[in-house]
């Protein structure tokens, strides 16, 4: 498994044990069920395509943020060692 896979697996484990996250996930699930019940098949497909694209964008953003945070921590640690 690559580093990204290990990071995702570990994070998934952490968030699934977080009550605030689980509650937010339930609210999201309820909202999408209501919304999908109001849409035609074609509209549901368009919504699913949009949500998939948005989830991918958010995942890319999260990975970039994570990597930048790691670089910032490394820079901080190096600067502390140099003192």
N, C-alpha and C. Protein backbone atom coordinates (compact mmCIF):
# COMPACT_ATOMS: atom_id res chain seq x y z
N UNK A 1 0.85 -1.18 0.00
CA UNK A 1 0.00 0.00 0.00
C UNK A 1 0.89 1.24 0.00
N UNK A 2 0.52 2.26 -0.80
CA UNK A 2 1.32 3.48 -0.85
C UNK A 2 1.03 4.38 0.35
N UNK A 3 1.84 5.45 0.48
CA UNK A 3 1.70 6.35 1.63
C UNK A 3 0.31 6.96 1.71
N UNK A 4 -0.22 7.36 0.56
CA UNK A 4 -1.54 7.98 0.53
C UNK A 4 -2.60 6.99 1.02
N UNK A 5 -2.48 5.75 0.62
CA UNK A 5 -3.43 4.72 1.06
C UNK A 5 -3.37 4.50 2.56
N UNK A 6 -2.15 4.47 3.09
CA UNK A 6 -1.98 4.30 4.54
C UNK A 6 -2.55 5.50 5.30
N UNK A 7 -2.31 6.71 4.76
CA UNK A 7 -2.83 7.91 5.38
C UNK A 7 -4.35 7.89 5.39
N UNK A 8 -4.95 7.52 4.27
CA UNK A 8 -6.41 7.48 4.18
C UNK A 8 -6.99 6.42 5.10
N UNK A 9 -6.36 5.26 5.16
CA UNK A 9 -6.84 4.19 6.03
C UNK A 9 -6.79 4.61 7.50
N UNK A 10 -5.72 5.23 7.89
CA UNK A 10 -5.56 5.69 9.27
C UNK A 10 -6.57 6.79 9.60
N UNK A 11 -6.71 7.74 8.70
CA UNK A 11 -7.66 8.83 8.91
C UNK A 11 -9.10 8.31 8.96
N UNK A 12 -9.44 7.37 8.08
CA UNK A 12 -10.78 6.78 8.11
C UNK A 12 -11.06 6.17 9.47
N UNK A 13 -10.09 5.49 10.02
CA UNK A 13 -10.26 4.88 11.34
C UNK A 13 -10.48 5.94 12.41
N UNK A 14 -9.75 7.03 12.32
CA UNK A 14 -9.86 8.11 13.31
C UNK A 14 -11.22 8.78 13.21
N UNK A 15 -11.65 9.15 12.00
CA UNK A 15 -12.91 9.88 11.87
C UNK A 15 -14.11 9.01 12.21
N UNK A 16 -14.04 7.72 11.92
CA UNK A 16 -15.17 6.85 12.24
C UNK A 16 -15.34 6.68 13.75
N UNK A 17 -14.33 6.98 14.51
CA UNK A 17 -14.42 6.92 15.96
C UNK A 17 -14.71 8.29 16.58
N UNK A 18 -14.98 9.28 15.73
CA UNK A 18 -15.25 10.63 16.20
C UNK A 18 -16.75 10.89 16.13
N UNK A 19 -17.36 11.14 17.28
CA UNK A 19 -18.81 11.32 17.35
C UNK A 19 -19.29 12.50 16.50
N UNK A 20 -18.57 13.60 16.54
CA UNK A 20 -18.95 14.79 15.77
C UNK A 20 -18.97 14.47 14.27
N UNK A 21 -17.96 13.73 13.81
CA UNK A 21 -17.91 13.35 12.39
C UNK A 21 -19.06 12.41 12.04
N UNK A 22 -19.29 11.41 12.89
CA UNK A 22 -20.37 10.45 12.61
C UNK A 22 -21.73 11.14 12.56
N UNK A 23 -21.95 12.12 13.42
CA UNK A 23 -23.20 12.87 13.41
C UNK A 23 -23.33 13.68 12.12
N UNK A 24 -22.25 14.31 11.70
CA UNK A 24 -22.27 15.07 10.45
C UNK A 24 -22.55 14.16 9.27
N UNK A 25 -21.99 12.96 9.30
CA UNK A 25 -22.21 11.99 8.23
C UNK A 25 -23.68 11.56 8.19
N UNK A 26 -24.29 11.34 9.34
CA UNK A 26 -25.72 10.98 9.40
C UNK A 26 -26.58 12.10 8.83
N UNK A 27 -26.28 13.33 9.18
CA UNK A 27 -27.03 14.47 8.66
C UNK A 27 -26.92 14.56 7.15
N UNK A 28 -25.71 14.33 6.64
CA UNK A 28 -25.49 14.34 5.19
C UNK A 28 -26.30 13.24 4.52
N UNK A 29 -26.26 12.04 5.08
CA UNK A 29 -27.01 10.90 4.52
C UNK A 29 -28.50 11.18 4.49
N UNK A 30 -29.05 11.74 5.56
CA UNK A 30 -30.48 12.07 5.61
C UNK A 30 -30.83 13.09 4.54
N UNK A 31 -30.01 14.13 4.43
CA UNK A 31 -30.28 15.20 3.46
C UNK A 31 -30.25 14.67 2.03
N UNK A 32 -29.30 13.81 1.71
CA UNK A 32 -29.21 13.30 0.34
C UNK A 32 -30.38 12.38 0.04
N UNK A 33 -30.84 11.62 1.02
CA UNK A 33 -32.02 10.76 0.81
C UNK A 33 -33.25 11.60 0.49
N UNK A 34 -33.45 12.67 1.22
CA UNK A 34 -34.58 13.57 0.96
C UNK A 34 -34.46 14.17 -0.43
N UNK A 35 -33.28 14.68 -0.75
CA UNK A 35 -33.07 15.32 -2.04
C UNK A 35 -33.29 14.34 -3.19
N UNK A 36 -32.73 13.14 -3.07
CA UNK A 36 -32.87 12.16 -4.15
C UNK A 36 -34.33 11.75 -4.35
N UNK A 37 -35.10 11.77 -3.27
CA UNK A 37 -36.52 11.44 -3.39
C UNK A 37 -37.30 12.48 -4.17
N UNK A 38 -36.75 13.65 -4.33
CA UNK A 38 -37.42 14.75 -5.03
C UNK A 38 -36.99 14.85 -6.50
N UNK A 39 -36.02 14.06 -6.91
CA UNK A 39 -35.43 14.21 -8.23
C UNK A 39 -35.80 13.09 -9.18
N UNK A 40 -35.82 13.43 -10.48
CA UNK A 40 -36.00 12.40 -11.50
C UNK A 40 -34.71 11.59 -11.62
N UNK A 41 -34.75 10.50 -12.36
CA UNK A 41 -33.55 9.67 -12.57
C UNK A 41 -32.42 10.49 -13.21
N UNK A 42 -32.78 11.31 -14.19
CA UNK A 42 -31.78 12.13 -14.88
C UNK A 42 -31.16 13.16 -13.91
N UNK A 43 -31.99 13.76 -13.09
CA UNK A 43 -31.50 14.73 -12.11
C UNK A 43 -30.64 14.03 -11.06
N UNK A 44 -31.03 12.83 -10.64
CA UNK A 44 -30.23 12.07 -9.67
C UNK A 44 -28.86 11.75 -10.24
N UNK A 45 -28.80 11.40 -11.53
CA UNK A 45 -27.52 11.11 -12.18
C UNK A 45 -26.65 12.36 -12.21
N UNK A 46 -27.25 13.51 -12.55
CA UNK A 46 -26.50 14.76 -12.59
C UNK A 46 -25.99 15.11 -11.20
N UNK A 47 -26.82 14.92 -10.18
CA UNK A 47 -26.41 15.19 -8.80
C UNK A 47 -25.27 14.26 -8.40
N UNK A 48 -25.39 12.99 -8.72
CA UNK A 48 -24.34 12.03 -8.39
C UNK A 48 -23.02 12.39 -9.07
N UNK A 49 -23.09 12.78 -10.33
CA UNK A 49 -21.88 13.20 -11.05
C UNK A 49 -21.24 14.41 -10.37
N UNK A 50 -22.08 15.38 -10.00
CA UNK A 50 -21.58 16.57 -9.32
C UNK A 50 -20.93 16.20 -7.99
N UNK A 51 -21.62 15.39 -7.18
CA UNK A 51 -21.09 15.02 -5.86
C UNK A 51 -19.78 14.24 -5.98
N UNK A 52 -19.69 13.39 -6.99
CA UNK A 52 -18.44 12.65 -7.21
C UNK A 52 -17.30 13.60 -7.55
N UNK A 53 -17.57 14.56 -8.43
CA UNK A 53 -16.54 15.53 -8.80
C UNK A 53 -16.17 16.39 -7.60
N UNK A 54 -17.15 16.81 -6.83
CA UNK A 54 -16.88 17.64 -5.65
C UNK A 54 -16.10 16.86 -4.60
N UNK A 55 -16.44 15.61 -4.38
CA UNK A 55 -15.70 14.78 -3.43
C UNK A 55 -14.25 14.61 -3.86
N UNK A 56 -14.04 14.43 -5.16
CA UNK A 56 -12.68 14.29 -5.67
C UNK A 56 -11.90 15.58 -5.44
N UNK A 57 -12.52 16.73 -5.75
CA UNK A 57 -11.87 18.02 -5.54
C UNK A 57 -11.50 18.21 -4.08
N UNK A 58 -12.43 17.87 -3.17
CA UNK A 58 -12.18 18.02 -1.74
C UNK A 58 -11.06 17.09 -1.28
N UNK A 59 -11.01 15.89 -1.84
CA UNK A 59 -9.94 14.94 -1.48
C UNK A 59 -8.58 15.46 -1.94
N UNK A 60 -8.52 16.02 -3.14
CA UNK A 60 -7.26 16.58 -3.64
C UNK A 60 -6.83 17.75 -2.76
N UNK A 61 -7.78 18.61 -2.40
CA UNK A 61 -7.50 19.74 -1.53
C UNK A 61 -6.97 19.27 -0.17
N UNK A 62 -7.63 18.26 0.39
CA UNK A 62 -7.22 17.73 1.70
C UNK A 62 -5.81 17.15 1.62
N UNK A 63 -5.50 16.45 0.54
CA UNK A 63 -4.15 15.88 0.41
C UNK A 63 -3.10 16.98 0.29
N UNK A 64 -3.40 18.01 -0.50
CA UNK A 64 -2.47 19.13 -0.63
C UNK A 64 -2.29 19.82 0.72
N UNK A 65 -3.37 20.03 1.45
CA UNK A 65 -3.30 20.66 2.77
C UNK A 65 -2.47 19.82 3.74
N UNK A 66 -2.70 18.53 3.72
CA UNK A 66 -1.95 17.62 4.60
C UNK A 66 -0.46 17.69 4.29
N UNK A 67 -0.13 17.60 3.02
CA UNK A 67 1.29 17.64 2.63
C UNK A 67 1.93 18.97 3.00
N UNK A 68 1.19 20.06 2.80
CA UNK A 68 1.74 21.37 3.16
C UNK A 68 1.94 21.46 4.67
N UNK A 69 1.00 20.93 5.43
CA UNK A 69 1.14 20.91 6.88
C UNK A 69 2.37 20.13 7.31
N UNK A 70 2.62 19.00 6.66
CA UNK A 70 3.81 18.21 6.98
C UNK A 70 5.08 18.98 6.64
N UNK A 71 5.08 19.67 5.51
CA UNK A 71 6.25 20.48 5.13
C UNK A 71 6.46 21.60 6.14
N UNK A 72 5.37 22.23 6.57
CA UNK A 72 5.48 23.31 7.55
C UNK A 72 6.03 22.80 8.88
N UNK A 73 5.58 21.64 9.30
CA UNK A 73 6.08 21.05 10.55
C UNK A 73 7.56 20.72 10.41
N UNK A 74 7.94 20.15 9.28
CA UNK A 74 9.35 19.81 9.05
C UNK A 74 10.21 21.08 9.06
N UNK A 75 9.74 22.14 8.41
CA UNK A 75 10.47 23.41 8.41
C UNK A 75 10.61 23.94 9.83
N UNK A 76 9.55 23.87 10.61
CA UNK A 76 9.60 24.33 12.00
C UNK A 76 10.60 23.51 12.81
N UNK A 77 10.55 22.19 12.67
CA UNK A 77 11.48 21.34 13.41
C UNK A 77 12.93 21.60 13.03
N UNK A 78 13.17 21.76 11.73
CA UNK A 78 14.53 22.05 11.26
C UNK A 78 15.00 23.39 11.84
N UNK A 79 14.11 24.38 11.87
CA UNK A 79 14.51 25.70 12.38
C UNK A 79 14.80 25.61 13.89
N UNK A 80 14.11 24.75 14.60
CA UNK A 80 14.37 24.58 16.02
C UNK A 80 15.70 23.87 16.29
N UNK A 81 16.03 22.92 15.42
CA UNK A 81 17.29 22.19 15.55
C UNK A 81 18.48 23.10 15.26
N UNK A 82 18.31 24.00 14.30
CA UNK A 82 19.39 24.91 13.89
C UNK A 82 19.70 25.95 14.96
N UNK A 83 18.84 26.12 15.95
CA UNK A 83 19.08 27.16 16.97
C UNK A 83 20.01 26.70 18.03
